[in-house]
Amino acid sequence: MEAITNYSAFQGYETQIVFDAQYQNAASNRETITDFLTVHYTDFGQTADTYIEKSCASLRHQIAQCLISRVIVATSDRAQQLMVQGYGAEWLSAHQLCGEVETTVCRMRHKYQTRKQSKSRFLANAIDAKARERLAQLRMGL
C-alpha cells in the first residue's frame, strides 16, 4: 500500500486498489487513503473482477470522448485484460506494475537525494549563494 501510495502521488495518478471480499459477510466499503489513493472492498458475493468491469463500463463513454485521459487496470488475468480493453481501458500485468513502481521509487530517491547531499558537513555549503549572502549580512548586522 505504501509503495502504491508513493507511486500514485509521484505520477499524479488517481489510483484505486480493489480487494476481493466476495466471501466476507460484509457490505462494500471504500477508504480514502490520500487524495491519490482509495481502497475498495467488494460486496459479499461480488468479485474484484466484476467490480473492475463495472467501473470500466461506467467510464467507457468518458474514455471515448477523451474526458478522461487514461484508465489503466493492473491484472495478470487474461480474460480481465481483454474485457477492460474492450471498454477502452489500458492494462498492465502485475509484473509490469511492480517494475514501474520500482522504477518510480528509484527516480524518487534520485530526485530527492541529490537535493539533500551537500559537499561538506557545513550547512552553509548546502544552501544557495543568495541565502549565504543574506546570512552573512545578518551576521554583520546589516
C-alpha atoms as a PDB file:
ATOM      1  CA  MET A   1       0.000   0.000   0.000  1.00  0.00           C
ATOM      2  CA  GLU A   2       2.809   2.382   0.872  1.00  0.00           C
ATOM      3  CA  ALA A   3       4.595   1.763  -2.420  1.00  0.00           C
ATOM      4  CA  ILE A   4       1.410   2.291  -4.436  1.00  0.00           C
ATOM      5  CA  THR A   5       0.627   5.440  -2.426  1.00  0.00           C
ATOM      6  CA  ASN A   6       4.033   6.915  -3.251  1.00  0.00           C
ATOM      7  CA  TYR A   7       3.835   5.757  -6.870  1.00  0.00           C
ATOM      8  CA  SER A   8       0.397   7.338  -7.355  1.00  0.00           C
ATOM      9  CA  ALA A   9       1.414  10.630  -5.799  1.00  0.00           C
ATOM     10  CA  PHE A  10       4.682  10.852  -7.746  1.00  0.00           C
ATOM     11  CA  GLN A  11       2.991  10.004 -11.072  1.00  0.00           C
ATOM     12  CA  GLY A  12      -0.094  12.111 -10.327  1.00  0.00           C
ATOM     13  CA  TYR A  13      -2.382   9.105 -10.874  1.00  0.00           C
ATOM     14  CA  GLU A  14      -5.746   8.761  -9.189  1.00  0.00           C
ATOM     15  CA  THR A  15      -5.472   5.137  -8.061  1.00  0.00           C
ATOM     16  CA  GLN A  16      -7.982   2.604  -6.803  1.00  0.00           C
ATOM     17  CA  ILE A  17      -6.974  -0.667  -5.195  1.00  0.00           C
ATOM     18  CA  VAL A  18      -9.732  -3.269  -5.233  1.00  0.00           C
ATOM     19  CA  PHE A  19      -9.819  -6.105  -2.726  1.00  0.00           C
ATOM     20  CA  ASP A  20     -11.999  -9.094  -3.390  1.00  0.00           C
ATOM     21  CA  ALA A  21     -14.295  -9.543  -0.386  1.00  0.00           C
ATOM     22  CA  GLN A  22     -16.788 -11.853  -2.065  1.00  0.00           C
ATOM     23  CA  TYR A  23     -16.707 -14.429   0.749  1.00  0.00           C
ATOM     24  CA  GLN A  24     -16.741 -11.922   3.597  1.00  0.00           C
ATOM     25  CA  ASN A  25     -20.109 -11.301   5.191  1.00  0.00           C
ATOM     26  CA  ALA A  26     -19.800  -7.520   4.952  1.00  0.00           C
ATOM     27  CA  ALA A  27     -21.068  -4.685   2.805  1.00  0.00           C
ATOM     28  CA  SER A  28     -18.808  -2.990   0.309  1.00  0.00           C
ATOM     29  CA  ASN A  29     -16.516  -0.362   1.727  1.00  0.00           C
ATOM     30  CA  ARG A  30     -14.363   2.438   0.380  1.00  0.00           C
ATOM     31  CA  GLU A  31     -11.463   4.005   2.252  1.00  0.00           C
ATOM     32  CA  THR A  32      -9.748   7.189   1.134  1.00  0.00           C
ATOM     33  CA  ILE A  33      -6.045   6.850   1.917  1.00  0.00           C
ATOM     34  CA  THR A  34      -4.794  10.031   0.195  1.00  0.00           C
ATOM     35  CA  ASP A  35      -6.017  12.412  -2.498  1.00  0.00           C
ATOM     36  CA  PHE A  36      -4.493   9.988  -4.996  1.00  0.00           C
ATOM     37  CA  LEU A  37      -5.424   6.621  -3.487  1.00  0.00           C
ATOM     38  CA  THR A  38      -8.656   4.912  -2.481  1.00  0.00           C
ATOM     39  CA  VAL A  39      -9.151   1.309  -1.424  1.00  0.00           C
ATOM     40  CA  HIS A  40     -12.337  -0.536  -2.344  1.00  0.00           C
ATOM     41  CA  TYR A  41     -13.607  -3.741  -0.755  1.00  0.00           C
ATOM     42  CA  THR A  42     -16.257  -5.516  -2.807  1.00  0.00           C
ATOM     43  CA  ASP A  43     -19.691  -6.571  -1.593  1.00  0.00           C
ATOM     44  CA  PHE A  44     -20.464 -10.044  -0.322  1.00  0.00           C
ATOM     45  CA  GLY A  45     -20.763 -12.235  -3.427  1.00  0.00           C
ATOM     46  CA  GLN A  46     -19.024  -9.707  -5.704  1.00  0.00           C
ATOM     47  CA  THR A  47     -15.588 -10.398  -7.127  1.00  0.00           C
ATOM     48  CA  ALA A  48     -12.933  -7.760  -7.710  1.00  0.00           C
ATOM     49  CA  ASP A  49     -13.124  -8.654 -11.410  1.00  0.00           C
ATOM     50  CA  THR A  50     -16.815  -7.737 -11.651  1.00  0.00           C
ATOM     51  CA  TYR A  51     -16.212  -4.529  -9.697  1.00  0.00           C
ATOM     52  CA  ILE A  52     -13.409  -3.552 -12.110  1.00  0.00           C
ATOM     53  CA  GLU A  53     -15.500  -4.473 -15.160  1.00  0.00           C
ATOM     54  CA  LYS A  54     -18.419  -2.341 -13.937  1.00  0.00           C
ATOM     55  CA  SER A  55     -16.085   0.562 -13.216  1.00  0.00           C
ATOM     56  CA  CYS A  56     -14.562   0.377 -16.698  1.00  0.00           C
ATOM     57  CA  ALA A  57     -18.005   0.036 -18.284  1.00  0.00           C
ATOM     58  CA  SER A  58     -19.236   3.148 -16.457  1.00  0.00           C
ATOM     59  CA  LEU A  59     -16.186   5.114 -17.660  1.00  0.00           C
ATOM     60  CA  ARG A  60     -16.192   3.949 -21.296  1.00  0.00           C
ATOM     61  CA  HIS A  61     -18.076   6.996 -22.641  1.00  0.00           C
ATOM     62  CA  GLN A  62     -15.741   9.390 -20.821  1.00  0.00           C
ATOM     63  CA  ILE A  63     -12.755   7.475 -22.205  1.00  0.00           C
ATOM     64  CA  ALA A  64     -14.175   7.564 -25.751  1.00  0.00           C
ATOM     65  CA  GLN A  65     -14.853  11.309 -25.545  1.00  0.00           C
ATOM     66  CA  CYS A  66     -11.363  11.961 -24.096  1.00  0.00           C
ATOM     67  CA  LEU A  67     -12.849  13.407 -20.888  1.00  0.00           C
ATOM     68  CA  ILE A  68     -10.573  11.008 -19.011  1.00  0.00           C
ATOM     69  CA  SER A  69      -7.032  10.776 -20.316  1.00  0.00           C
ATOM     70  CA  ARG A  70      -6.302   7.190 -19.263  1.00  0.00           C
ATOM     71  CA  VAL A  71      -7.735   4.297 -17.307  1.00  0.00           C
ATOM     72  CA  ILE A  72      -5.163   1.610 -16.534  1.00  0.00           C
ATOM     73  CA  VAL A  73      -6.023  -1.715 -14.945  1.00  0.00           C
ATOM     74  CA  ALA A  74      -3.239  -3.840 -13.466  1.00  0.00           C
ATOM     75  CA  THR A  75      -4.079  -7.534 -13.700  1.00  0.00           C
ATOM     76  CA  SER A  76      -2.446 -10.719 -14.903  1.00  0.00           C
ATOM     77  CA  ASP A  77      -5.822 -12.333 -15.653  1.00  0.00           C
ATOM     78  CA  ARG A  78      -6.035 -12.642 -19.462  1.00  0.00           C
ATOM     79  CA  ALA A  79      -9.847 -12.612 -19.585  1.00  0.00           C
ATOM     80  CA  GLN A  80      -9.865  -9.463 -17.456  1.00  0.00           C
ATOM     81  CA  GLN A  81      -7.268  -7.854 -19.736  1.00  0.00           C
ATOM     82  CA  LEU A  82      -9.455  -8.421 -22.798  1.00  0.00           C
ATOM     83  CA  MET A  83     -12.558  -7.186 -21.001  1.00  0.00           C
ATOM     84  CA  VAL A  84     -11.055  -3.880 -19.851  1.00  0.00           C
ATOM     85  CA  GLN A  85      -9.508  -3.269 -23.268  1.00  0.00           C
ATOM     86  CA  GLY A  86     -12.985  -3.701 -24.750  1.00  0.00           C
ATOM     87  CA  TYR A  87     -14.119  -0.768 -22.612  1.00  0.00           C
ATOM     88  CA  GLY A  88     -11.200   1.373 -23.815  1.00  0.00           C
ATOM     89  CA  ALA A  89      -9.016   0.971 -20.749  1.00  0.00           C
ATOM     90  CA  GLU A  90      -5.353   0.007 -20.821  1.00  0.00           C
ATOM     91  CA  TRP A  91      -3.841  -2.821 -18.824  1.00  0.00           C
ATOM     92  CA  LEU A  92      -0.586  -3.735 -17.184  1.00  0.00           C
ATOM     93  CA  SER A  93       0.369  -7.129 -15.862  1.00  0.00           C
ATOM     94  CA  ALA A  94       1.055  -7.333 -12.144  1.00  0.00           C
ATOM     95  CA  HIS A  95       4.725  -7.880 -13.047  1.00  0.00           C
ATOM     96  CA  GLN A  96       4.795  -4.725 -15.207  1.00  0.00           C
ATOM     97  CA  LEU A  97       3.173  -2.687 -12.443  1.00  0.00           C
ATOM     98  CA  CYS A  98       5.766  -3.969  -9.981  1.00  0.00           C
ATOM     99  CA  GLY A  99       8.535  -2.894 -12.359  1.00  0.00           C
ATOM    100  CA  GLU A 100       7.012   0.563 -12.837  1.00  0.00           C
ATOM    101  CA  VAL A 101       6.674   1.043  -9.089  1.00  0.00           C
ATOM    102  CA  GLU A 102      10.310   0.032  -8.536  1.00  0.00           C
ATOM    103  CA  THR A 103      11.489   2.358 -11.316  1.00  0.00           C
ATOM    104  CA  THR A 104       9.478   5.212  -9.839  1.00  0.00           C
ATOM    105  CA  VAL A 105      10.910   4.574  -6.364  1.00  0.00           C
ATOM    106  CA  CYS A 106      14.438   4.798  -7.833  1.00  0.00           C
ATOM    107  CA  ARG A 107      13.538   8.037  -9.635  1.00  0.00           C
ATOM    108  CA  MET A 108      12.098   9.481  -6.422  1.00  0.00           C
ATOM    109  CA  ARG A 109      15.210   8.556  -4.447  1.00  0.00           C
ATOM    110  CA  HIS A 110      17.476  10.066  -7.073  1.00  0.00           C
ATOM    111  CA  LYS A 111      15.418  13.253  -7.309  1.00  0.00           C
ATOM    112  CA  TYR A 112      15.240  13.871  -3.578  1.00  0.00           C
ATOM    113  CA  GLN A 113      18.685  12.578  -2.557  1.00  0.00           C
ATOM    114  CA  THR A 114      20.555  14.822  -4.978  1.00  0.00           C
ATOM    115  CA  ARG A 115      18.949  17.823  -3.302  1.00  0.00           C
ATOM    116  CA  LYS A 116      19.916  16.663   0.169  1.00  0.00           C
ATOM    117  CA  GLN A 117      23.556  15.841  -0.474  1.00  0.00           C
ATOM    118  CA  SER A 118      25.900  18.643   0.486  1.00  0.00           C
ATOM    119  CA  LYS A 119      29.555  18.963  -0.376  1.00  0.00           C
ATOM    120  CA  SER A 120      30.652  19.014   3.216  1.00  0.00           C
ATOM    121  CA  ARG A 121      29.305  18.814   6.719  1.00  0.00           C
ATOM    122  CA  PHE A 122      28.686  22.588   6.949  1.00  0.00           C
ATOM    123  CA  LEU A 123      25.160  23.910   6.490  1.00  0.00           C
ATOM    124  CA  ALA A 124      26.434  26.936   4.579  1.00  0.00           C
ATOM    125  CA  ASN A 125      27.592  24.664   1.753  1.00  0.00           C
ATOM    126  CA  ALA A 126      24.129  23.119   1.420  1.00  0.00           C
ATOM    127  CA  ILE A 127      22.277  26.399   0.728  1.00  0.00           C
ATOM    128  CA  ASP A 128      22.332  28.587  -2.353  1.00  0.00           C
ATOM    129  CA  ALA A 129      24.631  31.604  -2.773  1.00  0.00           C
ATOM    130  CA  LYS A 130      21.875  34.162  -2.267  1.00  0.00           C
ATOM    131  CA  ALA A 131      20.913  32.661   1.104  1.00  0.00           C
ATOM    132  CA  ARG A 132      24.593  32.537   2.164  1.00  0.00           C
ATOM    133  CA  GLU A 133      24.973  36.212   1.256  1.00  0.00           C
ATOM    134  CA  ARG A 134      21.870  37.153   3.259  1.00  0.00           C
ATOM    135  CA  LEU A 135      23.140  35.191   6.276  1.00  0.00           C
ATOM    136  CA  ALA A 136      26.482  36.978   6.042  1.00  0.00           C
ATOM    137  CA  GLN A 137      24.677  40.336   6.043  1.00  0.00           C
ATOM    138  CA  LEU A 138      22.698  39.318   9.104  1.00  0.00           C
ATOM    139  CA  ARG A 139      25.917  38.356  10.909  1.00  0.00           C
ATOM    140  CA  MET A 140      27.383  41.771  10.131  1.00  0.00           C
ATOM    141  CA  GLY A 141      24.260  43.467  11.460  1.00  0.00           C
ATOM    142  CA  LEU A 142      23.187  44.880   8.096  1.00  0.00           C
END
